[in-house]
Amino acid sequence: MLENNINWVISMVYEFNIRERTLEDSKMFLEFINQLDIEAEYMLFEEGERNATLESIRKNTVKTIEDGDICYIAIYNNKIVGPDNHELLNIVEYKDNHEIIGGLLGGTYWGWLYISILWVDEKYRHQGIGKKLIAEAKQEAEKRGCKYAHVDTMSFQAPKFYKKTSL
């Protein structure tokens, strides 16, 4: 069951450690560039094209240090917070004729459900559609292991609505 929390503003704090690159970073750096080649859509190298090896990365690091050049490395502190496991969550409500009459856009990460947009066509408001969308989002979030929820809203009506849904 999701805990009964409404948080109007959430700022995720990403902790980075910025320092000079050392020889000990070679393996991590090689893994990083290989992963980047696999995942990034616009890179200079396709997967498998880069001829980097652990030895070549170490040689490059030693040369950088010997030449007096400074290379900084920023390490995202994934070890502390763990992977975010971010997944989008989009739910659409249709009328019989396949007309869209409402929807919820959000996602899940770090055990949280977040709702960015909740919309119901004015003609169909006060008929339980918003509550249904919230219930479906909560059910899916619980399947994903979420225990908390937060929403971002600029609507003056939203606090009363979200309290009624026990989000």
N, C-alpha and C. Protein backbone atom coordinates (compact mmCIF):
# COMPACT_ATOMS: atom_id res chain seq x y z
N MET A 1 0.85 -1.19 0.00
CA MET A 1 0.00 0.00 0.00
C MET A 1 0.89 1.24 0.00
N LEU A 2 0.57 2.19 -0.86
CA LEU A 2 1.33 3.44 -0.91
C LEU A 2 1.04 4.25 0.36
N GLU A 3 2.09 4.85 0.90
CA GLU A 3 1.89 5.70 2.06
C GLU A 3 1.12 6.94 1.65
N ASN A 4 0.34 7.45 2.55
CA ASN A 4 -0.53 8.58 2.28
C ASN A 4 0.27 9.88 2.36
N ASN A 5 0.95 10.23 1.25
CA ASN A 5 1.78 11.43 1.21
C ASN A 5 1.40 12.27 0.00
N ILE A 6 1.29 13.54 0.19
CA ILE A 6 1.19 14.47 -0.93
C ILE A 6 2.35 15.44 -0.77
N ASN A 7 3.25 15.43 -1.71
CA ASN A 7 4.40 16.33 -1.69
C ASN A 7 4.28 17.24 -2.90
N TRP A 8 4.17 18.51 -2.70
CA TRP A 8 3.91 19.42 -3.80
C TRP A 8 5.17 19.76 -4.57
N VAL A 9 6.31 19.75 -3.94
CA VAL A 9 7.55 20.03 -4.65
C VAL A 9 8.59 19.04 -4.16
N ILE A 10 9.15 18.30 -5.10
CA ILE A 10 10.22 17.35 -4.77
C ILE A 10 11.42 17.70 -5.63
N SER A 11 12.55 17.88 -5.03
CA SER A 11 13.79 18.10 -5.78
C SER A 11 14.70 16.93 -5.50
N MET A 12 15.03 16.18 -6.55
CA MET A 12 15.94 15.06 -6.38
C MET A 12 17.36 15.62 -6.32
N VAL A 13 18.11 15.20 -5.33
CA VAL A 13 19.49 15.66 -5.17
C VAL A 13 20.40 14.54 -5.65
N TYR A 14 21.12 14.83 -6.69
CA TYR A 14 22.08 13.87 -7.21
C TYR A 14 23.44 14.25 -6.65
N GLU A 15 24.07 13.32 -5.98
CA GLU A 15 25.35 13.61 -5.36
C GLU A 15 26.46 13.20 -6.32
N PHE A 16 27.31 14.14 -6.66
CA PHE A 16 28.43 13.88 -7.54
C PHE A 16 29.72 14.10 -6.77
N ASN A 17 30.72 13.32 -7.09
CA ASN A 17 32.04 13.50 -6.54
C ASN A 17 32.94 13.88 -7.71
N ILE A 18 33.45 15.09 -7.73
CA ILE A 18 34.31 15.55 -8.82
C ILE A 18 35.74 15.62 -8.32
N ARG A 19 36.63 14.94 -9.05
CA ARG A 19 38.03 14.88 -8.64
C ARG A 19 38.89 14.60 -9.85
N GLU A 20 40.21 14.64 -9.65
CA GLU A 20 41.12 14.32 -10.75
C GLU A 20 41.08 12.83 -11.04
N ARG A 21 41.20 12.51 -12.32
CA ARG A 21 41.22 11.12 -12.76
C ARG A 21 42.53 10.46 -12.32
N THR A 22 42.43 9.22 -11.87
CA THR A 22 43.62 8.47 -11.45
C THR A 22 43.69 7.17 -12.23
N LEU A 23 44.81 6.50 -12.11
CA LEU A 23 45.02 5.21 -12.78
C LEU A 23 43.98 4.19 -12.34
N GLU A 24 43.55 4.28 -11.09
CA GLU A 24 42.55 3.34 -10.56
C GLU A 24 41.19 3.48 -11.23
N ASP A 25 40.95 4.59 -11.93
CA ASP A 25 39.68 4.82 -12.61
C ASP A 25 39.61 4.14 -13.98
N SER A 26 40.70 3.54 -14.44
CA SER A 26 40.77 3.03 -15.81
C SER A 26 39.68 2.01 -16.13
N LYS A 27 39.49 1.04 -15.27
CA LYS A 27 38.49 0.00 -15.54
C LYS A 27 37.09 0.60 -15.59
N MET A 28 36.77 1.46 -14.61
CA MET A 28 35.46 2.09 -14.57
C MET A 28 35.24 2.96 -15.82
N PHE A 29 36.29 3.67 -16.24
CA PHE A 29 36.18 4.53 -17.42
C PHE A 29 35.94 3.70 -18.67
N LEU A 30 36.63 2.57 -18.81
CA LEU A 30 36.43 1.69 -19.96
C LEU A 30 35.00 1.15 -19.98
N GLU A 31 34.51 0.72 -18.84
CA GLU A 31 33.13 0.23 -18.75
C GLU A 31 32.14 1.33 -19.13
N PHE A 32 32.43 2.54 -18.68
CA PHE A 32 31.56 3.68 -18.98
C PHE A 32 31.50 3.96 -20.48
N ILE A 33 32.65 4.04 -21.16
CA ILE A 33 32.61 4.37 -22.58
C ILE A 33 32.02 3.23 -23.40
N ASN A 34 32.23 1.98 -22.97
CA ASN A 34 31.60 0.86 -23.67
C ASN A 34 30.09 0.91 -23.52
N GLN A 35 29.61 1.22 -22.31
CA GLN A 35 28.17 1.33 -22.08
C GLN A 35 27.59 2.50 -22.86
N LEU A 36 28.33 3.59 -22.93
CA LEU A 36 27.90 4.76 -23.68
C LEU A 36 27.75 4.42 -25.16
N ASP A 37 28.69 3.67 -25.70
CA ASP A 37 28.60 3.26 -27.11
C ASP A 37 27.35 2.42 -27.37
N ILE A 38 26.98 1.61 -26.40
CA ILE A 38 25.81 0.74 -26.56
C ILE A 38 24.52 1.55 -26.47
N GLU A 39 24.43 2.46 -25.49
CA GLU A 39 23.17 3.12 -25.17
C GLU A 39 22.93 4.43 -25.90
N ALA A 40 23.98 5.17 -26.19
CA ALA A 40 23.79 6.51 -26.76
C ALA A 40 23.41 6.43 -28.23
N GLU A 41 22.44 7.26 -28.60
CA GLU A 41 21.95 7.24 -29.97
C GLU A 41 22.89 7.97 -30.93
N TYR A 42 23.54 9.01 -30.46
CA TYR A 42 24.40 9.81 -31.33
C TYR A 42 25.82 9.83 -30.78
N MET A 43 26.61 8.87 -31.16
CA MET A 43 27.99 8.80 -30.70
C MET A 43 28.92 8.73 -31.91
N LEU A 44 30.19 9.03 -31.67
CA LEU A 44 31.18 8.94 -32.75
C LEU A 44 31.45 7.49 -33.12
N PHE A 45 31.31 6.60 -32.16
CA PHE A 45 31.58 5.19 -32.40
C PHE A 45 30.31 4.37 -32.21
N GLU A 46 30.11 3.39 -33.06
CA GLU A 46 29.04 2.42 -32.86
C GLU A 46 29.55 1.35 -31.89
N GLU A 47 28.64 0.54 -31.38
CA GLU A 47 29.04 -0.53 -30.47
C GLU A 47 30.08 -1.42 -31.14
N GLY A 48 31.19 -1.65 -30.45
CA GLY A 48 32.24 -2.52 -30.96
C GLY A 48 33.27 -1.84 -31.85
N GLU A 49 33.03 -0.60 -32.30
CA GLU A 49 33.97 0.10 -33.18
C GLU A 49 35.17 0.68 -32.43
N ARG A 50 34.96 1.07 -31.21
CA ARG A 50 36.04 1.69 -30.43
C ARG A 50 37.04 0.60 -30.05
N ASN A 51 38.30 0.86 -30.24
CA ASN A 51 39.33 -0.14 -29.97
C ASN A 51 39.98 0.06 -28.60
N ALA A 52 39.23 0.59 -27.67
CA ALA A 52 39.78 0.86 -26.33
C ALA A 52 39.90 -0.44 -25.56
N THR A 53 41.02 -0.58 -24.89
CA THR A 53 41.24 -1.71 -23.98
C THR A 53 41.62 -1.13 -22.63
N LEU A 54 41.62 -1.98 -21.63
CA LEU A 54 42.02 -1.53 -20.31
C LEU A 54 43.45 -0.99 -20.35
N GLU A 55 44.32 -1.67 -21.08
CA GLU A 55 45.72 -1.22 -21.20
C GLU A 55 45.82 0.13 -21.89
N SER A 56 45.04 0.34 -22.97
CA SER A 56 45.11 1.63 -23.67
C SER A 56 44.58 2.77 -22.81
N ILE A 57 43.55 2.49 -22.02
CA ILE A 57 43.01 3.51 -21.10
C ILE A 57 44.05 3.84 -20.03
N ARG A 58 44.72 2.83 -19.51
CA ARG A 58 45.75 3.07 -18.48
C ARG A 58 46.91 3.88 -19.06
N LYS A 59 47.35 3.54 -20.27
CA LYS A 59 48.44 4.29 -20.90
C LYS A 59 48.04 5.75 -21.11
N ASN A 60 46.81 5.97 -21.55
CA ASN A 60 46.33 7.33 -21.76
C ASN A 60 46.30 8.10 -20.45
N THR A 61 45.88 7.45 -19.37
CA THR A 61 45.83 8.10 -18.06
C THR A 61 47.23 8.47 -17.58
N VAL A 62 48.17 7.53 -17.71
CA VAL A 62 49.55 7.79 -17.30
C VAL A 62 50.12 8.96 -18.08
N LYS A 63 49.91 8.97 -19.40
CA LYS A 63 50.41 10.06 -20.24
C LYS A 63 49.80 11.40 -19.82
N THR A 64 48.53 11.39 -19.56
CA THR A 64 47.84 12.62 -19.12
C THR A 64 48.48 13.15 -17.84
N ILE A 65 48.73 12.25 -16.89
CA ILE A 65 49.33 12.66 -15.62
C ILE A 65 50.77 13.13 -15.83
N GLU A 66 51.55 12.37 -16.61
CA GLU A 66 52.95 12.74 -16.86
C GLU A 66 53.07 14.08 -17.59
N ASP A 67 52.15 14.37 -18.51
CA ASP A 67 52.17 15.62 -19.26
C ASP A 67 51.71 16.82 -18.42
N GLY A 68 51.24 16.52 -17.22
CA GLY A 68 50.79 17.61 -16.35
C GLY A 68 49.39 18.09 -16.68
N ASP A 69 48.71 17.37 -17.57
CA ASP A 69 47.33 17.73 -17.89
C ASP A 69 46.44 17.26 -16.75
N ILE A 70 45.35 17.96 -16.58
CA ILE A 70 44.41 17.58 -15.54
C ILE A 70 43.14 17.12 -16.23
N CYS A 71 42.68 15.97 -15.85
CA CYS A 71 41.43 15.43 -16.37
C CYS A 71 40.55 15.16 -15.16
N TYR A 72 39.40 15.79 -15.12
CA TYR A 72 38.49 15.60 -14.00
C TYR A 72 37.48 14.53 -14.34
N ILE A 73 37.05 13.86 -13.31
CA ILE A 73 36.04 12.82 -13.46
C ILE A 73 34.94 13.12 -12.45
N ALA A 74 33.71 13.00 -12.90
CA ALA A 74 32.56 13.19 -12.02
C ALA A 74 31.88 11.84 -11.88
N ILE A 75 31.76 11.39 -10.67
CA ILE A 75 31.17 10.08 -10.42
C ILE A 75 29.83 10.28 -9.75
N TYR A 76 28.80 9.81 -10.41
CA TYR A 76 27.46 9.83 -9.82
C TYR A 76 27.43 8.80 -8.71
N ASN A 77 26.94 9.18 -7.60
CA ASN A 77 27.02 8.34 -6.43
C ASN A 77 25.93 7.27 -6.41
N ASN A 78 25.93 6.44 -7.45
CA ASN A 78 24.96 5.36 -7.59
C ASN A 78 25.10 4.33 -6.47
N LYS A 79 26.29 4.22 -5.92
CA LYS A 79 26.51 3.23 -4.87
C LYS A 79 25.69 3.55 -3.63
N ILE A 80 25.44 4.82 -3.40
CA ILE A 80 24.70 5.22 -2.21
C ILE A 80 23.20 5.14 -2.45
N VAL A 81 22.73 5.73 -3.55
CA VAL A 81 21.29 5.79 -3.78
C VAL A 81 20.76 4.64 -4.60
N GLY A 82 21.63 3.90 -5.28
CA GLY A 82 21.19 2.78 -6.11
C GLY A 82 20.60 3.27 -7.42
N PRO A 83 20.36 2.36 -8.34
CA PRO A 83 19.80 2.75 -9.62
C PRO A 83 18.36 3.25 -9.43
N ASP A 84 17.95 4.20 -10.26
CA ASP A 84 16.61 4.77 -10.07
C ASP A 84 15.50 3.88 -10.62
N ASN A 85 15.82 2.95 -11.52
CA ASN A 85 14.82 2.06 -12.12
C ASN A 85 13.62 2.84 -12.66
N HIS A 86 13.89 3.95 -13.28
CA HIS A 86 12.83 4.81 -13.80
C HIS A 86 12.05 4.11 -14.90
N GLU A 87 10.73 4.13 -14.77
CA GLU A 87 9.84 3.62 -15.80
C GLU A 87 8.69 4.60 -15.97
N LEU A 88 8.35 4.90 -17.21
CA LEU A 88 7.21 5.76 -17.47
C LEU A 88 5.92 5.04 -17.13
N LEU A 89 4.91 5.81 -16.79
CA LEU A 89 3.58 5.27 -16.50
C LEU A 89 2.58 6.22 -17.15
N ASN A 90 1.95 5.77 -18.21
CA ASN A 90 0.98 6.58 -18.94
C ASN A 90 -0.31 5.79 -19.06
N ILE A 91 -1.40 6.37 -18.60
CA ILE A 91 -2.70 5.71 -18.61
C ILE A 91 -3.68 6.61 -19.34
N VAL A 92 -4.44 6.03 -20.24
CA VAL A 92 -5.40 6.81 -21.04
C VAL A 92 -6.79 6.23 -20.84
N GLU A 93 -7.77 7.10 -20.68
CA GLU A 93 -9.17 6.69 -20.55
C GLU A 93 -9.90 7.08 -21.84
N TYR A 94 -10.59 6.11 -22.42
CA TYR A 94 -11.30 6.31 -23.68
C TYR A 94 -12.80 6.23 -23.47
N LYS A 95 -13.53 6.98 -24.30
CA LYS A 95 -14.97 6.85 -24.39
C LYS A 95 -15.25 5.67 -25.32
N ASP A 96 -16.49 5.23 -25.38
CA ASP A 96 -16.84 4.07 -26.22
C ASP A 96 -16.35 4.19 -27.65
N ASN A 97 -16.37 5.40 -28.21
CA ASN A 97 -15.99 5.59 -29.61
C ASN A 97 -14.49 5.84 -29.77
N HIS A 98 -13.72 5.46 -28.79
CA HIS A 98 -12.25 5.60 -28.79
C HIS A 98 -11.77 7.04 -28.69
N GLU A 99 -12.67 7.93 -28.28
CA GLU A 99 -12.28 9.31 -28.03
C GLU A 99 -11.56 9.36 -26.68
N ILE A 100 -10.43 10.06 -26.62
CA ILE A 100 -9.70 10.20 -25.36
C ILE A 100 -10.44 11.21 -24.50
N ILE A 101 -10.76 10.79 -23.27
CA ILE A 101 -11.49 11.68 -22.36
C ILE A 101 -10.70 11.97 -21.08
N GLY A 102 -9.53 11.34 -20.93
CA GLY A 102 -8.71 11.60 -19.76
C GLY A 102 -7.40 10.86 -19.84
N GLY A 103 -6.47 11.27 -19.00
CA GLY A 103 -5.18 10.59 -19.00
C GLY A 103 -4.31 11.00 -17.83
N LEU A 104 -3.35 10.16 -17.57
CA LEU A 104 -2.39 10.39 -16.50
C LEU A 104 -1.00 10.11 -17.08
N LEU A 105 -0.09 11.05 -16.90
CA LEU A 105 1.30 10.88 -17.32
C LEU A 105 2.17 10.97 -16.09
N GLY A 106 3.04 10.02 -15.93
CA GLY A 106 3.94 10.01 -14.78
C GLY A 106 4.95 8.90 -14.92
N GLY A 107 5.32 8.33 -13.79
CA GLY A 107 6.30 7.25 -13.81
C GLY A 107 6.63 6.81 -12.41
N THR A 108 7.62 5.93 -12.34
CA THR A 108 8.09 5.44 -11.06
C THR A 108 9.61 5.46 -11.03
N TYR A 109 10.16 5.71 -9.87
CA TYR A 109 11.61 5.69 -9.66
C TYR A 109 11.88 5.66 -8.16
N TRP A 110 12.97 4.99 -7.77
CA TRP A 110 13.41 4.92 -6.38
C TRP A 110 12.26 4.67 -5.40
N GLY A 111 11.32 3.84 -5.78
CA GLY A 111 10.22 3.51 -4.88
C GLY A 111 9.13 4.57 -4.80
N TRP A 112 9.16 5.53 -5.71
CA TRP A 112 8.16 6.60 -5.73
C TRP A 112 7.33 6.52 -7.00
N LEU A 113 6.04 6.78 -6.88
CA LEU A 113 5.16 7.06 -8.00
C LEU A 113 5.12 8.57 -8.13
N TYR A 114 5.30 9.09 -9.34
CA TYR A 114 5.12 10.52 -9.53
C TYR A 114 4.07 10.73 -10.63
N ILE A 115 3.28 11.75 -10.44
CA ILE A 115 2.26 12.12 -11.42
C ILE A 115 2.58 13.52 -11.90
N SER A 116 2.87 13.63 -13.19
CA SER A 116 3.19 14.93 -13.77
C SER A 116 1.94 15.62 -14.29
N ILE A 117 1.10 14.84 -14.96
CA ILE A 117 -0.11 15.41 -15.57
C ILE A 117 -1.27 14.47 -15.34
N LEU A 118 -2.36 15.02 -14.86
CA LEU A 118 -3.63 14.30 -14.77
C LEU A 118 -4.66 15.20 -15.42
N TRP A 119 -5.36 14.66 -16.41
CA TRP A 119 -6.30 15.48 -17.15
C TRP A 119 -7.57 14.69 -17.43
N VAL A 120 -8.71 15.35 -17.24
CA VAL A 120 -10.00 14.78 -17.61
C VAL A 120 -10.76 15.87 -18.36
N ASP A 121 -11.30 15.49 -19.52
CA ASP A 121 -12.09 16.42 -20.33
C ASP A 121 -13.21 17.00 -19.46
N GLU A 122 -13.42 18.30 -19.60
CA GLU A 122 -14.41 19.00 -18.75
C GLU A 122 -15.79 18.34 -18.79
N LYS A 123 -16.18 17.81 -19.95
CA LYS A 123 -17.51 17.18 -20.08
C LYS A 123 -17.64 15.92 -19.23
N TYR A 124 -16.52 15.34 -18.83
CA TYR A 124 -16.55 14.06 -18.12
C TYR A 124 -16.05 14.16 -16.68
N ARG A 125 -15.84 15.38 -16.19
CA ARG A 125 -15.38 15.55 -14.82
C ARG A 125 -16.51 15.23 -13.82
N HIS A 126 -16.13 14.93 -12.61
CA HIS A 126 -17.06 14.60 -11.52
C HIS A 126 -17.82 13.31 -11.81
N GLN A 127 -17.21 12.41 -12.57
CA GLN A 127 -17.81 11.10 -12.86
C GLN A 127 -16.90 9.96 -12.41
N GLY A 128 -15.86 10.30 -11.64
CA GLY A 128 -14.98 9.27 -11.11
C GLY A 128 -13.82 8.87 -12.01
N ILE A 129 -13.66 9.55 -13.14
CA ILE A 129 -12.59 9.18 -14.07
C ILE A 129 -11.22 9.50 -13.48
N GLY A 130 -11.08 10.67 -12.87
CA GLY A 130 -9.81 11.03 -12.25
C GLY A 130 -9.43 10.06 -11.15
N LYS A 131 -10.42 9.70 -10.31
CA LYS A 131 -10.16 8.73 -9.25
C LYS A 131 -9.76 7.38 -9.83
N LYS A 132 -10.38 6.99 -10.93
CA LYS A 132 -10.05 5.72 -11.58
C LYS A 132 -8.60 5.74 -12.11
N LEU A 133 -8.21 6.84 -12.72
CA LEU A 133 -6.85 6.96 -13.24
C LEU A 133 -5.83 6.88 -12.10
N ILE A 134 -6.12 7.56 -11.00
CA ILE A 134 -5.24 7.53 -9.83
C ILE A 134 -5.16 6.10 -9.28
N ALA A 135 -6.30 5.43 -9.17
CA ALA A 135 -6.32 4.06 -8.64
C ALA A 135 -5.49 3.13 -9.52
N GLU A 136 -5.61 3.26 -10.83
CA GLU A 136 -4.82 2.42 -11.74
C GLU A 136 -3.32 2.72 -11.60
N ALA A 137 -2.99 4.00 -11.45
CA ALA A 137 -1.58 4.37 -11.28
C ALA A 137 -1.03 3.81 -9.97
N LYS A 138 -1.80 3.91 -8.89
CA LYS A 138 -1.37 3.37 -7.60
C LYS A 138 -1.18 1.86 -7.67
N GLN A 139 -2.10 1.18 -8.34
CA GLN A 139 -2.01 -0.27 -8.46
C GLN A 139 -0.74 -0.68 -9.21
N GLU A 140 -0.45 0.00 -10.31
CA GLU A 140 0.75 -0.30 -11.08
C GLU A 140 2.01 0.05 -10.29
N ALA A 141 1.98 1.18 -9.58
CA ALA A 141 3.13 1.59 -8.77
C ALA A 141 3.43 0.56 -7.69
N GLU A 142 2.39 0.04 -7.07
CA GLU A 142 2.59 -0.98 -6.04
C GLU A 142 3.20 -2.25 -6.64
N LYS A 143 2.78 -2.62 -7.86
CA LYS A 143 3.38 -3.77 -8.55
C LYS A 143 4.87 -3.54 -8.78
N ARG A 144 5.24 -2.28 -9.00
CA ARG A 144 6.64 -1.91 -9.24
C ARG A 144 7.41 -1.70 -7.94
N GLY A 145 6.77 -1.93 -6.82
CA GLY A 145 7.46 -1.83 -5.53
C GLY A 145 7.46 -0.45 -4.91
N CYS A 146 6.64 0.45 -5.39
CA CYS A 146 6.61 1.81 -4.84
C CYS A 146 5.88 1.84 -3.51
N LYS A 147 6.38 2.70 -2.61
CA LYS A 147 5.77 2.88 -1.30
C LYS A 147 5.33 4.32 -1.08
N TYR A 148 5.72 5.22 -1.97
CA TYR A 148 5.44 6.64 -1.80
C TYR A 148 4.90 7.20 -3.11
N ALA A 149 4.29 8.37 -3.02
CA ALA A 149 3.78 9.04 -4.21
C ALA A 149 3.94 10.55 -4.06
N HIS A 150 4.16 11.22 -5.18
CA HIS A 150 4.14 12.69 -5.17
C HIS A 150 3.59 13.19 -6.49
N VAL A 151 3.04 14.37 -6.42
CA VAL A 151 2.46 15.01 -7.61
C VAL A 151 2.99 16.42 -7.72
N ASP A 152 3.05 16.91 -8.93
CA ASP A 152 3.34 18.32 -9.19
C ASP A 152 2.08 18.91 -9.78
N THR A 153 1.64 20.01 -9.23
CA THR A 153 0.42 20.62 -9.75
C THR A 153 0.50 22.13 -9.65
N MET A 154 -0.20 22.77 -10.54
CA MET A 154 -0.32 24.22 -10.48
C MET A 154 -1.79 24.60 -10.36
N SER A 155 -2.63 23.62 -10.20
CA SER A 155 -4.06 23.86 -10.13
C SER A 155 -4.49 24.11 -8.69
N PHE A 156 -5.30 25.12 -8.50
CA PHE A 156 -5.79 25.41 -7.15
C PHE A 156 -6.78 24.35 -6.68
N GLN A 157 -7.37 23.58 -7.61
CA GLN A 157 -8.34 22.56 -7.24
C GLN A 157 -7.67 21.25 -6.82
N ALA A 158 -6.45 21.06 -7.21
CA ALA A 158 -5.79 19.77 -7.06
C ALA A 158 -5.67 19.27 -5.61
N PRO A 159 -5.30 20.10 -4.64
CA PRO A 159 -5.12 19.55 -3.28
C PRO A 159 -6.35 18.81 -2.76
N LYS A 160 -7.52 19.37 -2.95
CA LYS A 160 -8.74 18.71 -2.47
C LYS A 160 -8.96 17.38 -3.20
N PHE A 161 -8.76 17.40 -4.51
CA PHE A 161 -8.95 16.17 -5.30
C PHE A 161 -7.99 15.08 -4.85
N TYR A 162 -6.71 15.39 -4.74
CA TYR A 162 -5.72 14.38 -4.39
C TYR A 162 -5.94 13.86 -2.98
N LYS A 163 -6.39 14.71 -2.07
CA LYS A 163 -6.69 14.23 -0.71
C LYS A 163 -7.85 13.23 -0.74
N LYS A 164 -8.84 13.49 -1.60
CA LYS A 164 -9.98 12.56 -1.70
C LYS A 164 -9.55 11.20 -2.26
N THR A 165 -8.51 11.19 -3.08
CA THR A 165 -8.07 9.92 -3.67
C THR A 165 -7.14 9.16 -2.74
N SER A 166 -6.83 9.74 -1.59
CA SER A 166 -5.90 9.17 -0.59
C SER A 166 -4.54 8.83 -1.19
N LEU A 167 -4.08 9.67 -2.10
CA LEU A 167 -2.76 9.46 -2.71
C LEU A 167 -1.67 9.77 -1.72
